[in-house]
Amino acid sequence: MIFKITYLSGGNKVKGYLCLPEGFDISLSDLDFWITAFYENPGLQAERIAQSLVRSNLSILLRKWPVLIYCRGGMGKIGSVKTSWLEQFARYDTVVFAPCYRGNEGGEGRDEFGGADQEDVFSAYRLLQSLPFVESTQVSVMGFSRGSINATQTAAQMPDVHRLILWSGVSDLAQTYEERITLRRMLKRVLGGTPARQPEAFASRSPIVLANRLHGPVLIIHGTRDEQVDYSHGSKMYDRLMELGIPAEFHTYPNYGHHFPGDIHLEAVNRMFEWIRTPDQGFSPAESKDTDTHP
């Protein structure tokens, strides 16, 4: 069951997708009421955009659910929210939310690639914690590709984030500027210049710089043949977390690129949720490890 909702972020009406576990449902009137009450704004509404093939006749209010916030990659229409991923994640008895980022899919404002749009994820995080069917202490954040910037910013800002996952994620935006020639024009336009001219803008969008503000366990997932976000982004982030003594695990996928083939992707999703469900006492810097899945 997938809903597209309108919510507030820094005065902008922005969009996001809410996906419920299979077989569970909620009335639009209830969802509208909770969103409106949280923001004290009557102009916010939700719409149902996809129905599960399994008859949804169980109330989502029967229990409190863990949440995964999925921060999409790309910018604009490139790399938009993958609704198939929402459904995959929700199969793990998890409520899933994906911000579209401001300026996208009918939302107000302008995406700044981890600038003011970081509030879109902060606001979604606070909204989700307020919902009566959410277990507020079990809200994890996953960022794919560019989304790792927004995900890390959220974990740095919100000390009670349950788990942070960086999948094929950018860790150093200045490195991305040097590596991805086709992105330079966009980055200069959005950030106001090059890394040399705007070092603070690039640093504030670099998870490796924000690492010392992280509090909880981090999972890094990366393919060694990623041509869009080089594998070194993942390995350098992992090394930095080890230096800081932050519990982390690195799932390396040798010979795979930015997007994994279907069966490998589903295996990575399964391992991700196994990791998310690891009890807190199961994490310690000494036990963190780099795990190669495929030879």
C-alpha atoms as a PDB file:
ATOM      1  CA  MET A   1       0.000   0.000   0.000  1.00  0.00           C
ATOM      2  CA  ILE A   2       1.659   3.224  -1.146  1.00  0.00           C
ATOM      3  CA  PHE A   3       0.503   6.771  -0.441  1.00  0.00           C
ATOM      4  CA  LYS A   4       1.880  10.017  -1.807  1.00  0.00           C
ATOM      5  CA  ILE A   5       1.703  12.676   0.863  1.00  0.00           C
ATOM      6  CA  THR A   6       2.188  16.424   1.042  1.00  0.00           C
ATOM      7  CA  TYR A   7       4.012  17.693   4.108  1.00  0.00           C
ATOM      8  CA  LEU A   8       5.805  20.838   5.222  1.00  0.00           C
ATOM      9  CA  SER A   9       9.524  21.545   5.128  1.00  0.00           C
ATOM     10  CA  GLY A  10      10.860  24.980   5.900  1.00  0.00           C
ATOM     11  CA  GLY A  11       7.630  26.606   4.722  1.00  0.00           C
ATOM     12  CA  ASN A  12       7.528  24.588   1.503  1.00  0.00           C
ATOM     13  CA  LYS A  13       4.887  22.004   0.665  1.00  0.00           C
ATOM     14  CA  VAL A  14       6.937  18.992  -0.390  1.00  0.00           C
ATOM     15  CA  LYS A  15       6.121  15.444  -1.455  1.00  0.00           C
ATOM     16  CA  GLY A  16       6.994  12.002  -0.170  1.00  0.00           C
ATOM     17  CA  TYR A  17       5.938   8.374  -0.494  1.00  0.00           C
ATOM     18  CA  LEU A  18       4.662   6.301   2.416  1.00  0.00           C
ATOM     19  CA  CYS A  19       4.561   2.514   2.006  1.00  0.00           C
ATOM     20  CA  LEU A  20       2.923   0.142   4.495  1.00  0.00           C
ATOM     21  CA  PRO A  21       3.743  -3.523   5.062  1.00  0.00           C
ATOM     22  CA  GLU A  22       1.813  -5.906   2.839  1.00  0.00           C
ATOM     23  CA  GLY A  23      -1.693  -6.676   4.050  1.00  0.00           C
ATOM     24  CA  PHE A  24      -2.042  -3.540   6.168  1.00  0.00           C
ATOM     25  CA  ASP A  25      -3.947  -0.368   5.432  1.00  0.00           C
ATOM     26  CA  ILE A  26      -4.969   2.957   6.875  1.00  0.00           C
ATOM     27  CA  SER A  27      -7.798   5.306   5.992  1.00  0.00           C
ATOM     28  CA  LEU A  28      -6.945   8.460   4.066  1.00  0.00           C
ATOM     29  CA  SER A  29      -8.996  10.481   6.549  1.00  0.00           C
ATOM     30  CA  ASP A  30      -6.863   9.268   9.464  1.00  0.00           C
ATOM     31  CA  LEU A  31      -3.622   9.904   7.593  1.00  0.00           C
ATOM     32  CA  ASP A  32      -4.742  13.398   6.570  1.00  0.00           C
ATOM     33  CA  PHE A  33      -5.785  14.118  10.158  1.00  0.00           C
ATOM     34  CA  TRP A  34      -2.410  13.141  11.630  1.00  0.00           C
ATOM     35  CA  ILE A  35      -0.399  15.108   9.058  1.00  0.00           C
ATOM     36  CA  THR A  36      -2.636  18.164   9.415  1.00  0.00           C
ATOM     37  CA  ALA A  37      -2.511  18.016  13.209  1.00  0.00           C
ATOM     38  CA  PHE A  38       1.281  17.672  13.283  1.00  0.00           C
ATOM     39  CA  TYR A  39       1.885  20.719  11.093  1.00  0.00           C
ATOM     40  CA  GLU A  40      -1.258  22.604  12.165  1.00  0.00           C
ATOM     41  CA  ASN A  41      -1.967  23.164   8.487  1.00  0.00           C
ATOM     42  CA  PRO A  42      -5.250  22.053   6.871  1.00  0.00           C
ATOM     43  CA  GLY A  43      -3.866  22.238   3.316  1.00  0.00           C
ATOM     44  CA  LEU A  44      -1.912  18.968   3.481  1.00  0.00           C
ATOM     45  CA  GLN A  45      -3.373  15.826   1.960  1.00  0.00           C
ATOM     46  CA  ALA A  46      -2.450  12.262   1.072  1.00  0.00           C
ATOM     47  CA  GLU A  47      -3.469  10.180  -1.924  1.00  0.00           C
ATOM     48  CA  ARG A  48      -3.422   6.430  -2.403  1.00  0.00           C
ATOM     49  CA  ILE A  49      -1.346   5.601  -5.486  1.00  0.00           C
ATOM     50  CA  ALA A  50      -0.833   1.822  -5.286  1.00  0.00           C
ATOM     51  CA  GLN A  51      -2.778  -1.038  -3.789  1.00  0.00           C
ATOM     52  CA  SER A  52      -1.270  -4.335  -2.679  1.00  0.00           C
ATOM     53  CA  LEU A  53      -2.278  -7.497  -4.529  1.00  0.00           C
ATOM     54  CA  VAL A  54      -2.830  -8.967  -1.073  1.00  0.00           C
ATOM     55  CA  ARG A  55      -6.139  -7.770   0.321  1.00  0.00           C
ATOM     56  CA  SER A  56      -5.349  -5.059   2.853  1.00  0.00           C
ATOM     57  CA  ASN A  57      -7.850  -5.502   5.613  1.00  0.00           C
ATOM     58  CA  LEU A  58      -5.659  -5.238   8.687  1.00  0.00           C
ATOM     59  CA  SER A  59      -5.281  -1.920  10.463  1.00  0.00           C
ATOM     60  CA  ILE A  60      -1.755  -0.552  10.638  1.00  0.00           C
ATOM     61  CA  LEU A  61      -2.675   0.517  14.185  1.00  0.00           C
ATOM     62  CA  LEU A  62      -2.565  -3.093  15.429  1.00  0.00           C
ATOM     63  CA  ARG A  63       1.054  -2.562  16.470  1.00  0.00           C
ATOM     64  CA  LYS A  64       3.930  -0.097  16.333  1.00  0.00           C
ATOM     65  CA  TRP A  65       6.264  -0.567  13.394  1.00  0.00           C
ATOM     66  CA  PRO A  66       9.937   0.135  12.677  1.00  0.00           C
ATOM     67  CA  VAL A  67      10.551   2.677   9.921  1.00  0.00           C
ATOM     68  CA  LEU A  68      13.086   3.018   7.131  1.00  0.00           C
ATOM     69  CA  ILE A  69      13.498   6.433   5.518  1.00  0.00           C
ATOM     70  CA  TYR A  70      14.848   5.886   2.011  1.00  0.00           C
ATOM     71  CA  CYS A  71      16.733   8.910   0.634  1.00  0.00           C
ATOM     72  CA  ARG A  72      16.761   8.632  -3.147  1.00  0.00           C
ATOM     73  CA  GLY A  73      19.745   9.338  -5.365  1.00  0.00           C
ATOM     74  CA  GLY A  74      20.155  11.695  -8.285  1.00  0.00           C
ATOM     75  CA  MET A  75      18.580  15.086  -8.754  1.00  0.00           C
ATOM     76  CA  GLY A  76      15.364  16.190 -10.395  1.00  0.00           C
ATOM     77  CA  LYS A  77      13.870  13.490 -12.598  1.00  0.00           C
ATOM     78  CA  ILE A  78      17.143  11.562 -12.654  1.00  0.00           C
ATOM     79  CA  GLY A  79      17.232   8.983  -9.880  1.00  0.00           C
ATOM     80  CA  SER A  80      13.674   9.568  -8.647  1.00  0.00           C
ATOM     81  CA  VAL A  81      12.147   7.426  -5.888  1.00  0.00           C
ATOM     82  CA  LYS A  82      11.956   3.768  -6.896  1.00  0.00           C
ATOM     83  CA  THR A  83       8.533   2.572  -5.759  1.00  0.00           C
ATOM     84  CA  SER A  84       9.610  -1.034  -6.349  1.00  0.00           C
ATOM     85  CA  TRP A  85      12.231  -0.508  -3.639  1.00  0.00           C
ATOM     86  CA  LEU A  86       9.568   0.801  -1.277  1.00  0.00           C
ATOM     87  CA  GLU A  87       7.612  -2.417  -1.732  1.00  0.00           C
ATOM     88  CA  GLN A  88      10.718  -4.576  -1.294  1.00  0.00           C
ATOM     89  CA  PHE A  89      11.653  -2.848   1.950  1.00  0.00           C
ATOM     90  CA  ALA A  90       8.088  -2.946   3.304  1.00  0.00           C
ATOM     91  CA  ARG A  91       8.065  -6.751   2.998  1.00  0.00           C
ATOM     92  CA  TYR A  92      10.380  -6.794   6.007  1.00  0.00           C
ATOM     93  CA  ASP A  93       7.524  -5.705   8.298  1.00  0.00           C
ATOM     94  CA  THR A  94       8.718  -2.113   8.020  1.00  0.00           C
ATOM     95  CA  VAL A  95       6.961   1.167   7.275  1.00  0.00           C
ATOM     96  CA  VAL A  96       8.928   2.929   4.526  1.00  0.00           C
ATOM     97  CA  PHE A  97       9.031   6.627   3.702  1.00  0.00           C
ATOM     98  CA  ALA A  98      10.844   8.286   0.793  1.00  0.00           C
ATOM     99  CA  PRO A  99      11.155  12.080   0.525  1.00  0.00           C
ATOM    100  CA  CYS A 100      11.047  13.330  -3.074  1.00  0.00           C
ATOM    101  CA  TYR A 101      13.132  16.407  -2.133  1.00  0.00           C
ATOM    102  CA  ARG A 102      11.794  19.903  -2.688  1.00  0.00           C
ATOM    103  CA  GLY A 103      11.073  21.013  -6.230  1.00  0.00           C
ATOM    104  CA  ASN A 104      10.329  17.455  -7.348  1.00  0.00           C
ATOM    105  CA  GLU A 105       7.044  15.704  -8.177  1.00  0.00           C
ATOM    106  CA  GLY A 106       4.964  18.805  -7.521  1.00  0.00           C
ATOM    107  CA  GLY A 107       6.785  19.927  -4.392  1.00  0.00           C
ATOM    108  CA  GLU A 108       7.672  23.547  -3.774  1.00  0.00           C
ATOM    109  CA  GLY A 109      11.197  24.955  -3.528  1.00  0.00           C
ATOM    110  CA  ARG A 110      14.462  23.922  -5.150  1.00  0.00           C
ATOM    111  CA  ASP A 111      16.621  20.863  -4.567  1.00  0.00           C
ATOM    112  CA  GLU A 112      20.068  21.969  -3.384  1.00  0.00           C
ATOM    113  CA  PHE A 113      21.755  18.551  -3.353  1.00  0.00           C
ATOM    114  CA  GLY A 114      22.003  18.381   0.413  1.00  0.00           C
ATOM    115  CA  GLY A 115      21.557  22.091   1.130  1.00  0.00           C
ATOM    116  CA  ALA A 116      18.214  23.436   2.357  1.00  0.00           C
ATOM    117  CA  ASP A 117      16.586  20.210   1.157  1.00  0.00           C
ATOM    118  CA  GLN A 118      18.107  18.402   4.126  1.00  0.00           C
ATOM    119  CA  GLU A 119      15.175  19.822   6.083  1.00  0.00           C
ATOM    120  CA  ASP A 120      12.872  17.708   3.878  1.00  0.00           C
ATOM    121  CA  VAL A 121      14.303  14.605   5.541  1.00  0.00           C
ATOM    122  CA  PHE A 122      14.468  16.171   9.027  1.00  0.00           C
ATOM    123  CA  SER A 123      10.803  17.147   8.803  1.00  0.00           C
ATOM    124  CA  ALA A 124       9.806  13.699   7.536  1.00  0.00           C
ATOM    125  CA  TYR A 125      11.718  12.127  10.425  1.00  0.00           C
ATOM    126  CA  ARG A 126       9.859  14.236  12.992  1.00  0.00           C
ATOM    127  CA  LEU A 127       6.505  13.578  11.305  1.00  0.00           C
ATOM    128  CA  LEU A 128       7.060   9.832  11.247  1.00  0.00           C
ATOM    129  CA  GLN A 129       8.003   9.763  14.924  1.00  0.00           C
ATOM    130  CA  SER A 130       4.674  11.444  15.713  1.00  0.00           C
ATOM    131  CA  LEU A 131       2.500   8.874  13.931  1.00  0.00           C
ATOM    132  CA  PRO A 132       0.627   6.527  16.285  1.00  0.00           C
ATOM    133  CA  PHE A 133       1.652   3.366  14.429  1.00  0.00           C
ATOM    134  CA  VAL A 134       5.405   4.127  14.432  1.00  0.00           C
ATOM    135  CA  GLU A 135       7.908   2.836  16.971  1.00  0.00           C
ATOM    136  CA  SER A 136       9.684   6.163  17.457  1.00  0.00           C
ATOM    137  CA  THR A 137      12.941   4.578  18.666  1.00  0.00           C
ATOM    138  CA  GLN A 138      13.234   2.384  15.564  1.00  0.00           C
ATOM    139  CA  VAL A 139      13.539   4.920  12.733  1.00  0.00           C
ATOM    140  CA  SER A 140      16.480   4.097  10.449  1.00  0.00           C
ATOM    141  CA  VAL A 141      17.726   6.107   7.466  1.00  0.00           C
ATOM    142  CA  MET A 142      19.147   4.721   4.217  1.00  0.00           C
ATOM    143  CA  GLY A 143      20.738   6.837   1.518  1.00  0.00           C
ATOM    144  CA  PHE A 144      21.410   5.588  -2.002  1.00  0.00           C
ATOM    145  CA  SER A 145      24.071   7.337  -4.097  1.00  0.00           C
ATOM    146  CA  ARG A 146      23.573  11.105  -3.554  1.00  0.00           C
ATOM    147  CA  GLY A 147      20.969  10.189  -0.917  1.00  0.00           C
ATOM    148  CA  SER A 148      23.819   9.211   1.397  1.00  0.00           C
ATOM    149  CA  ILE A 149      24.413  12.939   1.843  1.00  0.00           C
ATOM    150  CA  ASN A 150      20.861  13.581   3.104  1.00  0.00           C
ATOM    151  CA  ALA A 151      20.855  10.377   5.150  1.00  0.00           C
ATOM    152  CA  THR A 152      24.119  11.229   6.929  1.00  0.00           C
ATOM    153  CA  GLN A 153      22.994  14.796   7.561  1.00  0.00           C
ATOM    154  CA  THR A 154      19.864  13.388   9.212  1.00  0.00           C
ATOM    155  CA  ALA A 155      21.787  10.938  11.403  1.00  0.00           C
ATOM    156  CA  ALA A 156      24.154  13.741  12.410  1.00  0.00           C
ATOM    157  CA  GLN A 157      21.272  16.077  13.258  1.00  0.00           C
ATOM    158  CA  MET A 158      18.980  13.540  14.957  1.00  0.00           C
ATOM    159  CA  PRO A 159      20.891  11.652  17.674  1.00  0.00           C
ATOM    160  CA  ASP A 160      18.156   9.046  18.073  1.00  0.00           C
ATOM    161  CA  VAL A 161      18.355   7.680  14.503  1.00  0.00           C
ATOM    162  CA  HIS A 162      18.300   3.904  14.951  1.00  0.00           C
ATOM    163  CA  ARG A 163      20.588   2.825  12.086  1.00  0.00           C
ATOM    164  CA  LEU A 164      22.296   4.570   9.153  1.00  0.00           C
ATOM    165  CA  ILE A 165      22.829   2.797   5.821  1.00  0.00           C
ATOM    166  CA  LEU A 166      24.923   4.220   2.974  1.00  0.00           C
ATOM    167  CA  TRP A 167      24.313   2.256  -0.248  1.00  0.00           C
ATOM    168  CA  SER A 168      26.594   3.055  -3.208  1.00  0.00           C
ATOM    169  CA  GLY A 169      26.906   6.360  -1.423  1.00  0.00           C
ATOM    170  CA  VAL A 170      28.893   9.521  -1.999  1.00  0.00           C
ATOM    171  CA  SER A 171      31.139  10.186   0.996  1.00  0.00           C
ATOM    172  CA  ASP A 172      33.266  13.062  -0.339  1.00  0.00           C
ATOM    173  CA  LEU A 173      31.499  15.478  -2.667  1.00  0.00           C
ATOM    174  CA  ALA A 174      34.761  17.200  -3.667  1.00  0.00           C
ATOM    175  CA  GLN A 175      36.029  13.799  -4.830  1.00  0.00           C
ATOM    176  CA  THR A 176      32.810  13.338  -6.805  1.00  0.00           C
ATOM    177  CA  TYR A 177      33.398  16.728  -8.447  1.00  0.00           C
ATOM    178  CA  GLU A 178      36.837  15.575  -9.618  1.00  0.00           C
ATOM    179  CA  GLU A 179      35.660  12.130 -10.734  1.00  0.00           C
ATOM    180  CA  ARG A 180      32.359  12.947 -12.439  1.00  0.00           C
ATOM    181  CA  ILE A 181      33.104  15.522 -15.125  1.00  0.00           C
ATOM    182  CA  THR A 182      29.484  15.420 -16.333  1.00  0.00           C
ATOM    183  CA  LEU A 183      28.294  16.587 -12.889  1.00  0.00           C
ATOM    184  CA  ARG A 184      30.623  19.575 -12.555  1.00  0.00           C
ATOM    185  CA  ARG A 185      28.348  22.091 -14.244  1.00  0.00           C
ATOM    186  CA  MET A 186      25.402  21.129 -12.020  1.00  0.00           C
ATOM    187  CA  LEU A 187      27.498  21.126  -8.841  1.00  0.00           C
ATOM    188  CA  LYS A 188      28.980  24.544  -9.610  1.00  0.00           C
ATOM    189  CA  ARG A 189      25.505  25.931 -10.280  1.00  0.00           C
ATOM    190  CA  VAL A 190      23.881  24.452  -7.183  1.00  0.00           C
ATOM    191  CA  LEU A 191      26.761  24.928  -4.728  1.00  0.00           C
ATOM    192  CA  GLY A 192      27.936  28.260  -6.106  1.00  0.00           C
ATOM    193  CA  GLY A 193      31.335  27.217  -7.407  1.00  0.00           C
ATOM    194  CA  THR A 194      34.102  24.640  -7.341  1.00  0.00           C
ATOM    195  CA  PRO A 195      35.436  22.868  -4.217  1.00  0.00           C
ATOM    196  CA  ALA A 196      38.297  25.364  -4.175  1.00  0.00           C
ATOM    197  CA  ARG A 197      35.933  28.345  -4.195  1.00  0.00           C
ATOM    198  CA  GLN A 198      33.180  26.866  -2.014  1.00  0.00           C
ATOM    199  CA  PRO A 199      34.941  24.440   0.359  1.00  0.00           C
ATOM    200  CA  GLU A 200      32.328  24.764   3.113  1.00  0.00           C
ATOM    201  CA  ALA A 201      29.445  23.974   0.736  1.00  0.00           C
ATOM    202  CA  PHE A 202      31.171  20.781  -0.388  1.00  0.00           C
ATOM    203  CA  ALA A 203      32.265  19.811   3.134  1.00  0.00           C
ATOM    204  CA  SER A 204      28.746  20.220   4.580  1.00  0.00           C
ATOM    205  CA  ARG A 205      27.516  17.743   1.960  1.00  0.00           C
ATOM    206  CA  SER A 206      30.257  15.165   2.561  1.00  0.00           C
ATOM    207  CA  PRO A 207      29.433  12.267   4.913  1.00  0.00           C
ATOM    208  CA  ILE A 208      33.114  11.677   5.640  1.00  0.00           C
ATOM    209  CA  VAL A 209      33.296  15.196   7.101  1.00  0.00           C
ATOM    210  CA  LEU A 210      30.084  14.669   9.087  1.00  0.00           C
ATOM    211  CA  ALA A 211      31.245  11.301  10.438  1.00  0.00           C
ATOM    212  CA  ASN A 212      32.406  12.744  13.768  1.00  0.00           C
ATOM    213  CA  ARG A 213      28.818  13.814  14.477  1.00  0.00           C
ATOM    214  CA  LEU A 214      27.358  10.328  14.065  1.00  0.00           C
ATOM    215  CA  HIS A 215      26.138   8.407  17.095  1.00  0.00           C
ATOM    216  CA  GLY A 216      24.887   4.977  16.090  1.00  0.00           C
ATOM    217  CA  PRO A 217      25.877   1.998  13.930  1.00  0.00           C
ATOM    218  CA  VAL A 218      26.523   2.512  10.216  1.00  0.00           C
ATOM    219  CA  LEU A 219      26.268   0.008   7.352  1.00  0.00           C
ATOM    220  CA  ILE A 220      28.069   0.669   4.075  1.00  0.00           C
ATOM    221  CA  ILE A 221      27.072  -1.240   0.922  1.00  0.00           C
ATOM    222  CA  HIS A 222      29.182  -0.786  -2.209  1.00  0.00           C
ATOM    223  CA  GLY A 223      30.142  -2.574  -5.416  1.00  0.00           C
ATOM    224  CA  THR A 224      33.815  -2.615  -6.387  1.00  0.00           C
ATOM    225  CA  ARG A 225      33.054  -1.729 -10.024  1.00  0.00           C
ATOM    226  CA  ASP A 226      30.845   1.263  -9.335  1.00  0.00           C
ATOM    227  CA  GLU A 227      31.542   3.782 -12.094  1.00  0.00           C
ATOM    228  CA  GLN A 228      29.143   6.438 -10.793  1.00  0.00           C
ATOM    229  CA  VAL A 229      30.312   6.593  -7.179  1.00  0.00           C
ATOM    230  CA  ASP A 230      33.740   5.027  -6.928  1.00  0.00           C
ATOM    231  CA  TYR A 231      34.199   2.175  -4.454  1.00  0.00           C
ATOM    232  CA  SER A 232      36.785   4.288  -2.616  1.00  0.00           C
ATOM    233  CA  HIS A 233      33.929   6.466  -1.287  1.00  0.00           C
ATOM    234  CA  GLY A 234      32.703   3.466   0.691  1.00  0.00           C
ATOM    235  CA  SER A 235      36.115   2.249   1.811  1.00  0.00           C
ATOM    236  CA  LYS A 236      37.266   5.707   2.927  1.00  0.00           C
ATOM    237  CA  MET A 237      34.043   6.256   4.872  1.00  0.00           C
ATOM    238  CA  TYR A 238      34.454   2.890   6.566  1.00  0.00           C
ATOM    239  CA  ASP A 239      38.061   3.690   7.507  1.00  0.00           C
ATOM    240  CA  ARG A 240      37.010   7.045   8.936  1.00  0.00           C
ATOM    241  CA  LEU A 241      34.308   5.421  11.060  1.00  0.00           C
ATOM    242  CA  MET A 242      36.881   2.940  12.375  1.00  0.00           C
ATOM    243  CA  GLU A 243      39.200   5.821  13.306  1.00  0.00           C
ATOM    244  CA  LEU A 244      36.353   7.421  15.257  1.00  0.00           C
ATOM    245  CA  GLY A 245      35.373   4.186  17.002  1.00  0.00           C
ATOM    246  CA  ILE A 246      31.875   4.222  15.510  1.00  0.00           C
ATOM    247  CA  PRO A 247      30.378   0.731  15.007  1.00  0.00           C
ATOM    248  CA  ALA A 248      30.266   0.029  11.281  1.00  0.00           C
ATOM    249  CA  GLU A 249      29.982  -2.836   8.854  1.00  0.00           C
ATOM    250  CA  PHE A 250      31.020  -2.835   5.219  1.00  0.00           C
ATOM    251  CA  HIS A 251      29.215  -5.104   2.747  1.00  0.00           C
ATOM    252  CA  THR A 252      31.468  -5.213  -0.292  1.00  0.00           C
ATOM    253  CA  TYR A 253      30.092  -6.595  -3.568  1.00  0.00           C
ATOM    254  CA  PRO A 254      33.050  -7.480  -5.819  1.00  0.00           C
ATOM    255  CA  ASN A 255      32.569  -7.032  -9.558  1.00  0.00           C
ATOM    256  CA  TYR A 256      29.233  -5.211  -9.228  1.00  0.00           C
ATOM    257  CA  GLY A 257      28.484  -1.625 -10.142  1.00  0.00           C
ATOM    258  CA  HIS A 258      26.279   1.199  -8.906  1.00  0.00           C
ATOM    259  CA  HIS A 259      23.054  -0.794  -9.329  1.00  0.00           C
ATOM    260  CA  PHE A 260      23.138  -4.506  -8.554  1.00  0.00           C
ATOM    261  CA  PRO A 261      21.444  -7.178 -10.701  1.00  0.00           C
ATOM    262  CA  GLY A 262      18.025  -8.233  -9.400  1.00  0.00           C
ATOM    263  CA  ASP A 263      19.050 -11.313  -7.415  1.00  0.00           C
ATOM    264  CA  ILE A 264      22.112  -9.637  -5.911  1.00  0.00           C
ATOM    265  CA  HIS A 265      20.059  -6.551  -5.056  1.00  0.00           C
ATOM    266  CA  LEU A 266      17.504  -8.656  -3.179  1.00  0.00           C
ATOM    267  CA  GLU A 267      20.291 -10.452  -1.336  1.00  0.00           C
ATOM    268  CA  ALA A 268      21.772  -7.087  -0.350  1.00  0.00           C
ATOM    269  CA  VAL A 269      18.350  -5.928   0.880  1.00  0.00           C
ATOM    270  CA  ASN A 270      17.976  -9.080   2.974  1.00  0.00           C
ATOM    271  CA  ARG A 271      21.419  -8.643   4.533  1.00  0.00           C
ATOM    272  CA  MET A 272      20.648  -4.978   5.184  1.00  0.00           C
ATOM    273  CA  PHE A 273      17.535  -5.817   7.183  1.00  0.00           C
ATOM    274  CA  GLU A 274      19.352  -8.559   9.080  1.00  0.00           C
ATOM    275  CA  TRP A 275      21.884  -5.905  10.072  1.00  0.00           C
ATOM    276  CA  ILE A 276      19.207  -3.346  10.985  1.00  0.00           C
ATOM    277  CA  ARG A 277      17.632  -5.898  13.325  1.00  0.00           C
ATOM    278  CA  THR A 278      20.897  -6.641  15.135  1.00  0.00           C
ATOM    279  CA  PRO A 279      20.368  -5.810  18.832  1.00  0.00           C
ATOM    280  CA  ASP A 280      22.251  -2.776  20.118  1.00  0.00           C
ATOM    281  CA  GLN A 281      24.477  -4.971  22.282  1.00  0.00           C
ATOM    282  CA  GLY A 282      25.592  -6.749  19.122  1.00  0.00           C
ATOM    283  CA  PHE A 283      27.475  -3.663  17.931  1.00  0.00           C
ATOM    284  CA  SER A 284      30.915  -2.586  19.036  1.00  0.00           C
ATOM    285  CA  PRO A 285      33.823  -1.043  17.127  1.00  0.00           C
ATOM    286  CA  ALA A 286      35.956  -4.102  17.874  1.00  0.00           C
ATOM    287  CA  GLU A 287      33.450  -6.374  16.161  1.00  0.00           C
ATOM    288  CA  SER A 288      32.886  -4.222  13.092  1.00  0.00           C
ATOM    289  CA  LYS A 289      34.037  -5.962   9.929  1.00  0.00           C
ATOM    290  CA  ASP A 290      34.350  -5.795   6.192  1.00  0.00           C
ATOM    291  CA  THR A 291      32.379  -8.629   4.621  1.00  0.00           C
ATOM    292  CA  ASP A 292      32.907  -9.787   1.040  1.00  0.00           C
ATOM    293  CA  THR A 293      29.752 -11.421  -0.266  1.00  0.00           C
ATOM    294  CA  HIS A 294      30.933 -12.682  -3.650  1.00  0.00           C
ATOM    295  CA  PRO A 295      34.384 -13.785  -4.761  1.00  0.00           C
END
